[in-house]
Amino acid sequence: MKCVYCGCLESKVIDSRSSEDATTIRRRRECLQCGKRFTTYETIETTPVLVVKSSGNRQAFDPNKLKAGIIKACEKRPVPMQKIDELVDNIKKAVYNNLEQEITSKQIGEMVMDGLKAIDEVAYVRFASVYRSFKDISSFLSELETMIKK
């Protein structure tokens, strides 16, 4: 690691600490030439995953946008934030472990619906009504009947 003060390429690690979320390591280093100390951060490099929308447009996968949609579906429902965070984490892991650089919005929507069905049925129906964009009441009722049968 290059010293920020003198440019020497030799340094030693004095202290290493993980961040609270365990995604970053903070290293305190000391230059072997000038003796000054500096801090470096080590993070995991991820390749961006693109979401292919139904229109064919592509945009970067954003877990915050996913979380916002799930929170909206769970609004005024007795769903703890911990459950929402777990669902977002599970979907995020599935997307990044997919080993593909692209995933369809339909695949993500199905993962959300599967997760919401297990957490809260009302939130599931809310999300499904927006996600599947029901054209009329009969298509909405058929989805409810399918859910009830399961």
N, C-alpha and C. Protein backbone atom coordinates (compact mmCIF):
# COMPACT_ATOMS: atom_id res chain seq x y z
N MET A 1 0.86 -1.18 0.00
CA MET A 1 0.00 0.00 0.00
C MET A 1 0.90 1.24 0.00
N LYS A 2 0.65 2.14 -0.88
CA LYS A 2 1.46 3.35 -1.04
C LYS A 2 1.17 4.35 0.08
N CYS A 3 2.20 4.84 0.75
CA CYS A 3 2.06 5.83 1.82
C CYS A 3 1.56 7.15 1.22
N VAL A 4 0.56 7.75 1.86
CA VAL A 4 -0.01 9.00 1.36
C VAL A 4 0.91 10.19 1.64
N TYR A 5 1.88 10.02 2.52
CA TYR A 5 2.77 11.13 2.90
C TYR A 5 4.06 11.14 2.08
N CYS A 6 4.73 9.97 1.97
CA CYS A 6 6.02 9.96 1.29
C CYS A 6 6.03 9.14 0.00
N GLY A 7 4.99 8.35 -0.24
CA GLY A 7 4.90 7.56 -1.46
C GLY A 7 5.59 6.20 -1.40
N CYS A 8 6.14 5.86 -0.26
CA CYS A 8 6.80 4.57 -0.09
C CYS A 8 5.77 3.44 -0.25
N LEU A 9 6.20 2.34 -0.86
CA LEU A 9 5.30 1.22 -1.09
C LEU A 9 5.32 0.19 0.04
N GLU A 10 6.14 0.41 1.06
CA GLU A 10 6.25 -0.53 2.17
C GLU A 10 5.53 0.02 3.40
N SER A 11 4.59 -0.76 3.93
CA SER A 11 3.90 -0.38 5.16
C SER A 11 3.52 -1.66 5.91
N LYS A 12 3.23 -1.48 7.19
CA LYS A 12 2.78 -2.65 7.96
C LYS A 12 1.43 -2.33 8.58
N VAL A 13 0.62 -3.38 8.74
CA VAL A 13 -0.71 -3.24 9.32
C VAL A 13 -0.57 -3.27 10.83
N ILE A 14 -1.10 -2.22 11.48
CA ILE A 14 -1.04 -2.13 12.94
C ILE A 14 -2.33 -2.65 13.56
N ASP A 15 -3.47 -2.37 12.91
CA ASP A 15 -4.77 -2.76 13.47
C ASP A 15 -5.74 -3.00 12.32
N SER A 16 -6.59 -4.04 12.47
CA SER A 16 -7.65 -4.34 11.50
C SER A 16 -8.96 -4.49 12.26
N ARG A 17 -10.00 -3.87 11.73
CA ARG A 17 -11.33 -3.97 12.33
C ARG A 17 -12.38 -4.09 11.25
N SER A 18 -13.37 -4.95 11.51
CA SER A 18 -14.50 -5.08 10.59
C SER A 18 -15.53 -4.00 10.90
N SER A 19 -16.27 -3.59 9.86
CA SER A 19 -17.36 -2.64 10.08
C SER A 19 -18.51 -3.38 10.75
N GLU A 20 -19.50 -2.63 11.20
CA GLU A 20 -20.64 -3.24 11.90
C GLU A 20 -21.37 -4.24 11.03
N ASP A 21 -21.51 -3.95 9.72
CA ASP A 21 -22.24 -4.87 8.84
C ASP A 21 -21.32 -5.92 8.21
N ALA A 22 -20.06 -5.94 8.61
CA ALA A 22 -19.07 -6.93 8.16
C ALA A 22 -18.85 -6.93 6.65
N THR A 23 -19.00 -5.78 6.01
CA THR A 23 -18.75 -5.70 4.57
C THR A 23 -17.48 -4.92 4.25
N THR A 24 -16.90 -4.27 5.26
CA THR A 24 -15.71 -3.47 5.07
C THR A 24 -14.72 -3.76 6.19
N ILE A 25 -13.44 -3.77 5.83
CA ILE A 25 -12.39 -3.92 6.83
C ILE A 25 -11.58 -2.63 6.85
N ARG A 26 -11.44 -2.06 8.04
CA ARG A 26 -10.66 -0.84 8.24
C ARG A 26 -9.28 -1.27 8.71
N ARG A 27 -8.23 -0.83 8.01
CA ARG A 27 -6.86 -1.18 8.39
C ARG A 27 -6.07 0.07 8.73
N ARG A 28 -5.45 0.06 9.87
CA ARG A 28 -4.56 1.14 10.29
C ARG A 28 -3.15 0.70 9.92
N ARG A 29 -2.45 1.50 9.15
CA ARG A 29 -1.12 1.15 8.64
C ARG A 29 -0.07 2.15 9.09
N GLU A 30 1.17 1.68 9.12
CA GLU A 30 2.31 2.55 9.44
C GLU A 30 3.33 2.39 8.34
N CYS A 31 3.77 3.52 7.78
CA CYS A 31 4.77 3.53 6.72
C CYS A 31 6.12 3.10 7.32
N LEU A 32 6.83 2.22 6.64
CA LEU A 32 8.12 1.74 7.13
C LEU A 32 9.24 2.73 6.85
N GLN A 33 8.99 3.71 5.98
CA GLN A 33 10.03 4.69 5.67
C GLN A 33 9.90 5.94 6.54
N CYS A 34 8.73 6.58 6.57
CA CYS A 34 8.58 7.84 7.30
C CYS A 34 7.95 7.65 8.68
N GLY A 35 7.35 6.49 8.93
CA GLY A 35 6.78 6.21 10.25
C GLY A 35 5.39 6.78 10.49
N LYS A 36 4.85 7.50 9.51
CA LYS A 36 3.51 8.08 9.69
C LYS A 36 2.45 7.01 9.49
N ARG A 37 1.29 7.25 10.11
CA ARG A 37 0.19 6.29 10.05
C ARG A 37 -0.94 6.79 9.17
N PHE A 38 -1.62 5.87 8.52
CA PHE A 38 -2.76 6.20 7.68
C PHE A 38 -3.74 5.02 7.69
N THR A 39 -4.96 5.29 7.24
CA THR A 39 -6.02 4.30 7.27
C THR A 39 -6.43 3.91 5.86
N THR A 40 -6.65 2.61 5.66
CA THR A 40 -7.18 2.13 4.38
C THR A 40 -8.43 1.32 4.66
N TYR A 41 -9.27 1.19 3.64
CA TYR A 41 -10.50 0.42 3.76
C TYR A 41 -10.54 -0.62 2.66
N GLU A 42 -10.94 -1.82 3.02
CA GLU A 42 -11.03 -2.92 2.07
C GLU A 42 -12.50 -3.34 1.98
N THR A 43 -13.04 -3.34 0.75
CA THR A 43 -14.43 -3.73 0.55
C THR A 43 -14.52 -4.80 -0.53
N ILE A 44 -15.63 -5.50 -0.54
CA ILE A 44 -15.87 -6.52 -1.55
C ILE A 44 -16.30 -5.84 -2.84
N GLU A 45 -15.69 -6.24 -3.93
CA GLU A 45 -16.05 -5.69 -5.23
C GLU A 45 -17.16 -6.55 -5.82
N THR A 46 -18.26 -5.92 -6.17
CA THR A 46 -19.37 -6.64 -6.77
C THR A 46 -19.57 -6.18 -8.20
N THR A 47 -19.98 -7.11 -9.03
CA THR A 47 -20.31 -6.73 -10.40
C THR A 47 -21.76 -6.28 -10.42
N PRO A 48 -22.05 -5.21 -11.12
CA PRO A 48 -23.42 -4.71 -11.13
C PRO A 48 -24.37 -5.68 -11.84
N VAL A 49 -25.55 -5.82 -11.28
CA VAL A 49 -26.59 -6.65 -11.88
C VAL A 49 -27.62 -5.71 -12.46
N LEU A 50 -28.00 -5.95 -13.71
CA LEU A 50 -28.99 -5.12 -14.37
C LEU A 50 -30.35 -5.80 -14.33
N VAL A 51 -31.37 -5.00 -14.09
CA VAL A 51 -32.75 -5.49 -14.09
C VAL A 51 -33.34 -5.16 -15.46
N VAL A 52 -33.85 -6.19 -16.12
CA VAL A 52 -34.49 -6.00 -17.42
C VAL A 52 -35.97 -5.82 -17.17
N LYS A 53 -36.46 -4.61 -17.46
CA LYS A 53 -37.87 -4.28 -17.25
C LYS A 53 -38.72 -4.90 -18.36
N SER A 54 -40.02 -4.92 -18.16
CA SER A 54 -40.93 -5.50 -19.16
C SER A 54 -40.88 -4.71 -20.48
N SER A 55 -40.52 -3.44 -20.39
CA SER A 55 -40.42 -2.61 -21.60
C SER A 55 -39.12 -2.88 -22.36
N GLY A 56 -38.21 -3.65 -21.75
CA GLY A 56 -36.92 -3.92 -22.37
C GLY A 56 -35.81 -3.01 -21.87
N ASN A 57 -36.18 -1.96 -21.13
CA ASN A 57 -35.18 -1.07 -20.56
C ASN A 57 -34.39 -1.80 -19.48
N ARG A 58 -33.16 -1.37 -19.27
CA ARG A 58 -32.32 -1.96 -18.24
C ARG A 58 -31.90 -0.88 -17.25
N GLN A 59 -31.88 -1.27 -15.98
CA GLN A 59 -31.39 -0.36 -14.95
C GLN A 59 -30.70 -1.19 -13.87
N ALA A 60 -29.82 -0.55 -13.12
CA ALA A 60 -29.07 -1.24 -12.08
C ALA A 60 -30.01 -1.73 -10.98
N PHE A 61 -29.73 -2.92 -10.46
CA PHE A 61 -30.51 -3.48 -9.35
C PHE A 61 -30.28 -2.60 -8.13
N ASP A 62 -31.38 -2.16 -7.52
CA ASP A 62 -31.32 -1.26 -6.37
C ASP A 62 -32.11 -1.87 -5.21
N PRO A 63 -31.40 -2.42 -4.21
CA PRO A 63 -32.10 -3.01 -3.06
C PRO A 63 -32.96 -1.99 -2.30
N ASN A 64 -32.59 -0.72 -2.34
CA ASN A 64 -33.38 0.31 -1.65
C ASN A 64 -34.75 0.49 -2.32
N LYS A 65 -34.78 0.42 -3.64
CA LYS A 65 -36.04 0.52 -4.37
C LYS A 65 -36.91 -0.70 -4.07
N LEU A 66 -36.29 -1.86 -3.99
CA LEU A 66 -36.99 -3.08 -3.64
C LEU A 66 -37.61 -2.97 -2.25
N LYS A 67 -36.82 -2.48 -1.31
CA LYS A 67 -37.28 -2.33 0.07
C LYS A 67 -38.45 -1.34 0.15
N ALA A 68 -38.35 -0.25 -0.60
CA ALA A 68 -39.42 0.76 -0.59
C ALA A 68 -40.74 0.16 -1.09
N GLY A 69 -40.68 -0.67 -2.12
CA GLY A 69 -41.89 -1.31 -2.63
C GLY A 69 -42.50 -2.28 -1.63
N ILE A 70 -41.65 -3.01 -0.93
CA ILE A 70 -42.14 -3.96 0.07
C ILE A 70 -42.74 -3.21 1.26
N ILE A 71 -42.10 -2.13 1.67
CA ILE A 71 -42.63 -1.31 2.78
C ILE A 71 -43.99 -0.75 2.40
N LYS A 72 -44.14 -0.31 1.16
CA LYS A 72 -45.42 0.22 0.70
C LYS A 72 -46.52 -0.85 0.77
N ALA A 73 -46.18 -2.07 0.40
CA ALA A 73 -47.17 -3.16 0.45
C ALA A 73 -47.53 -3.51 1.89
N CYS A 74 -46.59 -3.32 2.81
CA CYS A 74 -46.81 -3.69 4.22
C CYS A 74 -47.32 -2.53 5.07
N GLU A 75 -47.60 -1.40 4.42
CA GLU A 75 -48.05 -0.21 5.15
C GLU A 75 -49.31 -0.51 5.96
N LYS A 76 -49.31 -0.05 7.21
CA LYS A 76 -50.43 -0.22 8.14
C LYS A 76 -50.75 -1.69 8.42
N ARG A 77 -49.74 -2.54 8.32
CA ARG A 77 -49.87 -3.96 8.62
C ARG A 77 -48.90 -4.29 9.76
N PRO A 78 -49.19 -5.32 10.55
CA PRO A 78 -48.31 -5.66 11.67
C PRO A 78 -47.08 -6.46 11.23
N VAL A 79 -46.32 -5.89 10.30
CA VAL A 79 -45.12 -6.57 9.80
C VAL A 79 -43.90 -5.83 10.34
N PRO A 80 -43.10 -6.51 11.17
CA PRO A 80 -41.91 -5.85 11.72
C PRO A 80 -40.86 -5.58 10.64
N MET A 81 -40.10 -4.49 10.83
CA MET A 81 -39.06 -4.12 9.87
C MET A 81 -38.03 -5.23 9.72
N GLN A 82 -37.82 -5.99 10.77
CA GLN A 82 -36.86 -7.09 10.73
C GLN A 82 -37.25 -8.10 9.64
N LYS A 83 -38.53 -8.39 9.53
CA LYS A 83 -39.02 -9.33 8.50
C LYS A 83 -38.81 -8.76 7.10
N ILE A 84 -39.06 -7.46 6.96
CA ILE A 84 -38.86 -6.80 5.67
C ILE A 84 -37.38 -6.83 5.30
N ASP A 85 -36.51 -6.50 6.26
CA ASP A 85 -35.06 -6.53 6.00
C ASP A 85 -34.59 -7.92 5.64
N GLU A 86 -35.12 -8.94 6.31
CA GLU A 86 -34.74 -10.33 6.00
C GLU A 86 -35.16 -10.69 4.58
N LEU A 87 -36.37 -10.28 4.20
CA LEU A 87 -36.86 -10.56 2.85
C LEU A 87 -35.98 -9.87 1.80
N VAL A 88 -35.65 -8.60 2.03
CA VAL A 88 -34.80 -7.87 1.10
C VAL A 88 -33.42 -8.53 1.02
N ASP A 89 -32.86 -8.93 2.16
CA ASP A 89 -31.55 -9.60 2.17
C ASP A 89 -31.59 -10.92 1.40
N ASN A 90 -32.66 -11.69 1.60
CA ASN A 90 -32.78 -12.97 0.89
C ASN A 90 -32.88 -12.77 -0.61
N ILE A 91 -33.65 -11.77 -1.03
CA ILE A 91 -33.79 -11.49 -2.46
C ILE A 91 -32.47 -10.97 -3.02
N LYS A 92 -31.81 -10.10 -2.25
CA LYS A 92 -30.52 -9.56 -2.69
C LYS A 92 -29.50 -10.69 -2.88
N LYS A 93 -29.45 -11.62 -1.93
CA LYS A 93 -28.54 -12.77 -2.05
C LYS A 93 -28.88 -13.61 -3.28
N ALA A 94 -30.16 -13.83 -3.49
CA ALA A 94 -30.58 -14.63 -4.64
C ALA A 94 -30.19 -13.95 -5.96
N VAL A 95 -30.33 -12.64 -6.02
CA VAL A 95 -29.99 -11.89 -7.24
C VAL A 95 -28.48 -11.95 -7.49
N TYR A 96 -27.69 -11.70 -6.46
CA TYR A 96 -26.23 -11.68 -6.64
C TYR A 96 -25.65 -13.08 -6.79
N ASN A 97 -26.29 -14.10 -6.19
CA ASN A 97 -25.80 -15.47 -6.32
C ASN A 97 -26.26 -16.14 -7.61
N ASN A 98 -27.09 -15.45 -8.36
CA ASN A 98 -27.62 -15.95 -9.62
C ASN A 98 -26.51 -16.16 -10.65
N LEU A 99 -25.39 -15.48 -10.48
CA LEU A 99 -24.23 -15.53 -11.36
C LEU A 99 -24.52 -15.01 -12.77
N GLU A 100 -25.64 -14.37 -12.95
CA GLU A 100 -25.98 -13.71 -14.21
C GLU A 100 -25.85 -12.21 -14.01
N GLN A 101 -25.52 -11.50 -15.06
CA GLN A 101 -25.40 -10.05 -14.95
C GLN A 101 -26.74 -9.35 -15.18
N GLU A 102 -27.75 -10.12 -15.62
CA GLU A 102 -29.08 -9.55 -15.83
C GLU A 102 -30.13 -10.46 -15.21
N ILE A 103 -31.17 -9.84 -14.70
CA ILE A 103 -32.31 -10.55 -14.14
C ILE A 103 -33.56 -9.77 -14.54
N THR A 104 -34.63 -10.47 -14.78
CA THR A 104 -35.85 -9.77 -15.21
C THR A 104 -36.60 -9.26 -13.99
N SER A 105 -37.33 -8.19 -14.19
CA SER A 105 -38.15 -7.63 -13.11
C SER A 105 -39.23 -8.64 -12.71
N LYS A 106 -39.62 -9.49 -13.65
CA LYS A 106 -40.62 -10.52 -13.35
C LYS A 106 -40.06 -11.51 -12.33
N GLN A 107 -38.81 -11.92 -12.48
CA GLN A 107 -38.19 -12.85 -11.53
C GLN A 107 -38.13 -12.23 -10.14
N ILE A 108 -37.76 -10.96 -10.07
CA ILE A 108 -37.68 -10.27 -8.78
C ILE A 108 -39.07 -10.15 -8.18
N GLY A 109 -40.06 -9.81 -8.99
CA GLY A 109 -41.43 -9.69 -8.51
C GLY A 109 -41.96 -11.00 -7.94
N GLU A 110 -41.63 -12.10 -8.59
CA GLU A 110 -42.06 -13.41 -8.09
C GLU A 110 -41.40 -13.73 -6.75
N MET A 111 -40.12 -13.37 -6.60
CA MET A 111 -39.43 -13.59 -5.32
C MET A 111 -40.09 -12.77 -4.21
N VAL A 112 -40.45 -11.53 -4.53
CA VAL A 112 -41.12 -10.67 -3.53
C VAL A 112 -42.46 -11.27 -3.15
N MET A 113 -43.23 -11.70 -4.15
CA MET A 113 -44.55 -12.26 -3.86
C MET A 113 -44.44 -13.53 -3.02
N ASP A 114 -43.48 -14.39 -3.33
CA ASP A 114 -43.30 -15.61 -2.53
C ASP A 114 -42.97 -15.26 -1.08
N GLY A 115 -42.10 -14.26 -0.90
CA GLY A 115 -41.72 -13.86 0.45
C GLY A 115 -42.86 -13.20 1.20
N LEU A 116 -43.60 -12.33 0.52
CA LEU A 116 -44.73 -11.65 1.18
C LEU A 116 -45.86 -12.62 1.53
N LYS A 117 -46.04 -13.64 0.71
CA LYS A 117 -47.09 -14.62 0.98
C LYS A 117 -46.84 -15.30 2.33
N ALA A 118 -45.56 -15.53 2.64
CA ALA A 118 -45.21 -16.18 3.91
C ALA A 118 -45.28 -15.21 5.09
N ILE A 119 -45.09 -13.93 4.82
CA ILE A 119 -45.06 -12.93 5.90
C ILE A 119 -46.45 -12.41 6.25
N ASP A 120 -47.18 -11.92 5.22
CA ASP A 120 -48.48 -11.30 5.45
C ASP A 120 -49.31 -11.39 4.17
N GLU A 121 -50.46 -12.04 4.25
CA GLU A 121 -51.27 -12.26 3.06
C GLU A 121 -51.87 -10.97 2.50
N VAL A 122 -52.19 -10.03 3.36
CA VAL A 122 -52.74 -8.76 2.88
C VAL A 122 -51.67 -7.98 2.11
N ALA A 123 -50.45 -7.97 2.64
CA ALA A 123 -49.34 -7.31 1.93
C ALA A 123 -49.09 -8.00 0.60
N TYR A 124 -49.21 -9.33 0.59
CA TYR A 124 -49.04 -10.08 -0.65
C TYR A 124 -50.08 -9.65 -1.69
N VAL A 125 -51.34 -9.55 -1.28
CA VAL A 125 -52.41 -9.16 -2.21
C VAL A 125 -52.18 -7.74 -2.70
N ARG A 126 -51.76 -6.86 -1.81
CA ARG A 126 -51.48 -5.47 -2.23
C ARG A 126 -50.38 -5.44 -3.28
N PHE A 127 -49.29 -6.15 -3.01
CA PHE A 127 -48.18 -6.16 -3.96
C PHE A 127 -48.60 -6.80 -5.27
N ALA A 128 -49.32 -7.91 -5.19
CA ALA A 128 -49.77 -8.61 -6.40
C ALA A 128 -50.68 -7.74 -7.24
N SER A 129 -51.54 -6.95 -6.58
CA SER A 129 -52.48 -6.12 -7.35
C SER A 129 -51.75 -5.05 -8.16
N VAL A 130 -50.64 -4.55 -7.64
CA VAL A 130 -49.84 -3.57 -8.40
C VAL A 130 -48.94 -4.29 -9.39
N TYR A 131 -48.29 -5.35 -8.94
CA TYR A 131 -47.32 -6.07 -9.77
C TYR A 131 -47.98 -6.71 -10.99
N ARG A 132 -49.11 -7.34 -10.77
CA ARG A 132 -49.80 -8.03 -11.87
C ARG A 132 -50.74 -7.10 -12.62
N SER A 133 -50.91 -5.89 -12.12
CA SER A 133 -51.79 -4.87 -12.71
C SER A 133 -53.10 -5.48 -13.23
N PHE A 134 -53.92 -5.93 -12.29
CA PHE A 134 -55.19 -6.55 -12.63
C PHE A 134 -56.05 -5.59 -13.45
N LYS A 135 -56.64 -6.13 -14.50
CA LYS A 135 -57.43 -5.30 -15.39
C LYS A 135 -58.85 -5.08 -14.85
N ASP A 136 -59.37 -6.10 -14.15
CA ASP A 136 -60.72 -5.98 -13.61
C ASP A 136 -60.83 -6.79 -12.33
N ILE A 137 -61.99 -6.74 -11.71
CA ILE A 137 -62.21 -7.40 -10.43
C ILE A 137 -62.16 -8.93 -10.55
N SER A 138 -62.54 -9.47 -11.70
CA SER A 138 -62.55 -10.93 -11.85
C SER A 138 -61.13 -11.50 -11.83
N SER A 139 -60.18 -10.82 -12.46
CA SER A 139 -58.79 -11.30 -12.42
C SER A 139 -58.23 -11.18 -11.00
N PHE A 140 -58.65 -10.17 -10.28
CA PHE A 140 -58.24 -10.00 -8.88
C PHE A 140 -58.82 -11.13 -8.02
N LEU A 141 -60.11 -11.44 -8.24
CA LEU A 141 -60.76 -12.52 -7.49
C LEU A 141 -60.15 -13.88 -7.79
N SER A 142 -59.77 -14.11 -9.04
CA SER A 142 -59.16 -15.40 -9.38
C SER A 142 -57.81 -15.57 -8.68
N GLU A 143 -57.08 -14.49 -8.53
CA GLU A 143 -55.80 -14.54 -7.78
C GLU A 143 -56.07 -14.85 -6.30
N LEU A 144 -57.10 -14.22 -5.74
CA LEU A 144 -57.46 -14.50 -4.35
C LEU A 144 -57.90 -15.95 -4.17
N GLU A 145 -58.67 -16.47 -5.11
CA GLU A 145 -59.12 -17.86 -5.02
C GLU A 145 -57.93 -18.83 -5.10
N THR A 146 -56.98 -18.52 -5.96
CA THR A 146 -55.77 -19.35 -6.07
C THR A 146 -55.02 -19.34 -4.74
N MET A 147 -54.93 -18.17 -4.13
CA MET A 147 -54.23 -18.06 -2.86
C MET A 147 -54.95 -18.83 -1.76
N ILE A 148 -56.27 -18.76 -1.74
CA ILE A 148 -57.06 -19.44 -0.72
C ILE A 148 -56.93 -20.96 -0.86
N LYS A 149 -56.90 -21.46 -2.09
CA LYS A 149 -56.78 -22.90 -2.33
C LYS A 149 -55.46 -23.44 -1.81
N LYS A 150 -54.40 -22.64 -1.92
CA LYS A 150 -53.08 -23.06 -1.46
C LYS A 150 -53.03 -22.99 0.03
